[in-house]
C-alpha atoms as a PDB file:
ATOM      1  CA  MET A   1     -90.277  15.033-114.954  1.00  0.00           C
ATOM      2  CA  ILE A   2     -87.702  17.780-114.260  1.00  0.00           C
ATOM      3  CA  MET A   3     -89.295  18.424-110.855  1.00  0.00           C
ATOM      4  CA  ASP A   4     -88.902  14.723-109.954  1.00  0.00           C
ATOM      5  CA  MET A   5     -85.230  14.785-110.962  1.00  0.00           C
ATOM      6  CA  GLU A   6     -84.677  17.931-108.888  1.00  0.00           C
ATOM      7  CA  LYS A   7     -86.394  16.342-105.875  1.00  0.00           C
ATOM      8  CA  ASP A   8     -84.253  13.211-106.257  1.00  0.00           C
ATOM      9  CA  TYR A   9     -81.097  15.313-106.521  1.00  0.00           C
ATOM     10  CA  ASN A  10     -82.051  17.391-103.475  1.00  0.00           C
ATOM     11  CA  LEU A  11     -82.755  14.222-101.513  1.00  0.00           C
ATOM     12  CA  MET A  12     -79.385  12.664-102.439  1.00  0.00           C
ATOM     13  CA  VAL A  13     -77.533  15.850-101.468  1.00  0.00           C
ATOM     14  CA  GLY A  14     -79.512  16.046 -98.237  1.00  0.00           C
ATOM     15  CA  LEU A  15     -78.684  12.456 -97.359  1.00  0.00           C
ATOM     16  CA  ARG A  16     -74.976  13.116 -97.937  1.00  0.00           C
ATOM     17  CA  ILE A  17     -75.132  16.220 -95.712  1.00  0.00           C
ATOM     18  CA  ARG A  18     -76.845  14.161 -93.022  1.00  0.00           C
ATOM     19  CA  GLU A  19     -74.214  11.426 -93.356  1.00  0.00           C
ATOM     20  CA  ILE A  20     -71.457  13.999 -92.896  1.00  0.00           C
ATOM     21  CA  ARG A  21     -73.188  15.521 -89.872  1.00  0.00           C
ATOM     22  CA  GLU A  22     -73.791  12.151 -88.242  1.00  0.00           C
ATOM     23  CA  SER A  23     -70.229  10.996 -88.916  1.00  0.00           C
ATOM     24  CA  MET A  24     -69.108  14.069 -86.969  1.00  0.00           C
ATOM     25  CA  HIS A  25     -71.518  13.110 -84.145  1.00  0.00           C
ATOM     26  CA  LEU A  26     -73.178  16.515 -84.272  1.00  0.00           C
ATOM     27  CA  SER A  27     -76.809  17.392 -83.729  1.00  0.00           C
ATOM     28  CA  ARG A  28     -78.522  19.479 -86.377  1.00  0.00           C
ATOM     29  CA  GLU A  29     -78.258  22.458 -84.083  1.00  0.00           C
ATOM     30  CA  LYS A  30     -74.497  22.063 -83.527  1.00  0.00           C
ATOM     31  CA  PHE A  31     -73.798  21.339 -87.205  1.00  0.00           C
ATOM     32  CA  SER A  32     -75.863  24.293 -88.415  1.00  0.00           C
ATOM     33  CA  GLU A  33     -74.146  26.554 -85.897  1.00  0.00           C
ATOM     34  CA  LYS A  34     -70.733  25.329 -87.079  1.00  0.00           C
ATOM     35  CA  CYS A  35     -71.711  25.990 -90.716  1.00  0.00           C
ATOM     36  CA  ASP A  36     -73.485  29.294 -90.036  1.00  0.00           C
ATOM     37  CA  ILE A  37     -76.865  28.161 -91.383  1.00  0.00           C
ATOM     38  CA  SER A  38     -80.189  27.805 -89.615  1.00  0.00           C
ATOM     39  CA  SER A  39     -81.125  24.432 -88.142  1.00  0.00           C
ATOM     40  CA  SER A  40     -84.567  24.559 -89.758  1.00  0.00           C
ATOM     41  CA  PHE A  41     -82.960  25.116 -93.170  1.00  0.00           C
ATOM     42  CA  LEU A  42     -80.563  22.214 -92.497  1.00  0.00           C
ATOM     43  CA  ALA A  43     -83.505  19.977 -91.607  1.00  0.00           C
ATOM     44  CA  ASP A  44     -85.217  20.885 -94.895  1.00  0.00           C
ATOM     45  CA  VAL A  45     -81.994  20.232 -96.842  1.00  0.00           C
ATOM     46  CA  GLU A  46     -81.491  16.845 -95.173  1.00  0.00           C
ATOM     47  CA  ARG A  47     -85.074  15.895 -96.107  1.00  0.00           C
ATOM     48  CA  GLY A  48     -84.548  17.022 -99.710  1.00  0.00           C
ATOM     49  CA  LYS A  49     -87.126  19.797 -99.399  1.00  0.00           C
ATOM     50  CA  LYS A  50     -84.673  22.622-100.119  1.00  0.00           C
ATOM     51  CA  SER A  51     -81.578  22.916-102.274  1.00  0.00           C
ATOM     52  CA  LEU A  52     -78.212  24.423-101.436  1.00  0.00           C
ATOM     53  CA  THR A  53     -76.691  27.524-102.995  1.00  0.00           C
ATOM     54  CA  SER A  54     -73.011  27.567-103.872  1.00  0.00           C
ATOM     55  CA  LYS A  55     -72.471  29.918-100.920  1.00  0.00           C
ATOM     56  CA  THR A  56     -74.024  27.397 -98.503  1.00  0.00           C
ATOM     57  CA  ILE A  57     -72.024  24.531-100.002  1.00  0.00           C
ATOM     58  CA  TYR A  58     -68.902  26.627 -99.474  1.00  0.00           C
ATOM     59  CA  LYS A  59     -69.848  27.299 -95.836  1.00  0.00           C
ATOM     60  CA  ILE A  60     -70.380  23.598 -95.151  1.00  0.00           C
ATOM     61  CA  CYS A  61     -67.212  22.476 -96.934  1.00  0.00           C
ATOM     62  CA  SER A  62     -64.949  25.090 -95.392  1.00  0.00           C
ATOM     63  CA  SER A  63     -66.253  24.691 -91.852  1.00  0.00           C
ATOM     64  CA  CYS A  64     -66.160  20.869 -91.962  1.00  0.00           C
ATOM     65  CA  ASN A  65     -63.033  20.383 -94.095  1.00  0.00           C
ATOM     66  CA  ILE A  66     -64.833  18.301 -96.708  1.00  0.00           C
ATOM     67  CA  SER A  67     -64.875  18.271-100.477  1.00  0.00           C
ATOM     68  CA  ALA A  68     -67.758  19.709-102.440  1.00  0.00           C
ATOM     69  CA  ASP A  69     -67.350  16.732-104.802  1.00  0.00           C
ATOM     70  CA  TYR A  70     -68.894  14.479-102.218  1.00  0.00           C
ATOM     71  CA  ILE A  71     -71.817  16.779-101.431  1.00  0.00           C
ATOM     72  CA  VAL A  72     -72.649  17.569-105.055  1.00  0.00           C
ATOM     73  CA  LEU A  73     -71.625  14.403-106.896  1.00  0.00           C
ATOM     74  CA  GLY A  74     -71.280  11.740-104.221  1.00  0.00           C
ATOM     75  CA  HIS A  75     -67.618  11.106-105.072  1.00  0.00           C
ATOM     76  CA  LYS A  76     -65.461  10.110-102.155  1.00  0.00           C
ATOM     77  CA  GLU A  77     -61.842  10.889-102.840  1.00  0.00           C
ATOM     78  CA  GLY A  78     -60.315   8.532-100.320  1.00  0.00           C
ATOM     79  CA  PHE A  79     -59.796   9.127 -96.647  1.00  0.00           C
ATOM     80  CA  ASP A  80     -60.001  12.713 -95.421  1.00  0.00           C
ATOM     81  CA  LYS A  81     -57.474  12.888 -92.595  1.00  0.00           C
ATOM     82  CA  ASP A  82     -58.899  16.143 -91.204  1.00  0.00           C
ATOM     83  CA  VAL A  83     -62.379  14.646 -90.820  1.00  0.00           C
ATOM     84  CA  GLY A  84     -60.821  11.603 -89.127  1.00  0.00           C
ATOM     85  CA  ILE A  85     -58.914  13.791 -86.690  1.00  0.00           C
ATOM     86  CA  GLU A  86     -62.001  15.874 -85.947  1.00  0.00           C
ATOM     87  CA  LEU A  87     -63.968  12.697 -85.316  1.00  0.00           C
ATOM     88  CA  LEU A  88     -61.273  11.329 -82.998  1.00  0.00           C
ATOM     89  CA  ASN A  89     -61.243  14.593 -81.072  1.00  0.00           C
ATOM     90  CA  SER A  90     -64.952  14.142 -80.341  1.00  0.00           C
ATOM     91  CA  PHE A  91     -64.383  10.972 -78.253  1.00  0.00           C
ATOM     92  CA  ASN A  92     -63.899  10.983 -74.489  1.00  0.00           C
ATOM     93  CA  ASN A  93     -60.822   9.428 -72.813  1.00  0.00           C
ATOM     94  CA  GLN A  94     -62.444   6.038 -72.230  1.00  0.00           C
ATOM     95  CA  GLN A  95     -63.583   5.822 -75.855  1.00  0.00           C
ATOM     96  CA  MET A  96     -60.116   6.855 -77.040  1.00  0.00           C
ATOM     97  CA  GLU A  97     -58.548   4.087 -74.978  1.00  0.00           C
ATOM     98  CA  HIS A  98     -60.782   1.547 -76.728  1.00  0.00           C
ATOM     99  CA  ILE A  99     -59.991   3.039 -80.128  1.00  0.00           C
ATOM    100  CA  VAL A 100     -56.247   2.893 -79.485  1.00  0.00           C
ATOM    101  CA  ASN A 101     -56.534  -0.758 -78.423  1.00  0.00           C
ATOM    102  CA  ILE A 102     -58.452  -1.550 -81.603  1.00  0.00           C
ATOM    103  CA  LEU A 103     -55.833   0.225 -83.703  1.00  0.00           C
ATOM    104  CA  TYR A 104     -53.051  -1.788 -82.055  1.00  0.00           C
ATOM    105  CA  GLU A 105     -54.923  -4.997 -82.904  1.00  0.00           C
ATOM    106  CA  ILE A 106     -55.413  -3.899 -86.505  1.00  0.00           C
ATOM    107  CA  LYS A 107     -51.718  -3.060 -86.783  1.00  0.00           C
ATOM    108  CA  LYS A 108     -50.791  -6.522 -85.457  1.00  0.00           C
ATOM    109  CA  LEU A 109     -53.022  -8.173 -88.054  1.00  0.00           C
ATOM    110  CA  SER A 110     -51.532  -6.210 -90.911  1.00  0.00           C
ATOM    111  CA  SER A 111     -47.903  -6.895 -89.949  1.00  0.00           C
END
């Protein structure tokens, strides 16, 4: 019973890590490099096969500017401006032009 709960917890944490990585548009290799962990370990974490130590959680949170609350508990504390800026910086000029046009349209609708 305890093993099942631990597996479920590891899987939920792994899915949140994967969500963060994908929202940053990073491959496992790039994300693991950014967080100073091995890509094979990251793959196991994302699949719920391995659990994270507090040191690894710290590495991920500090290198990606995210809250440990989300990784550990699943609590989103509103919009994280730093993650949004990092995501915007990952787009090329053509994509940014589209994004800016969309933002102008959203602003018009909310006025």
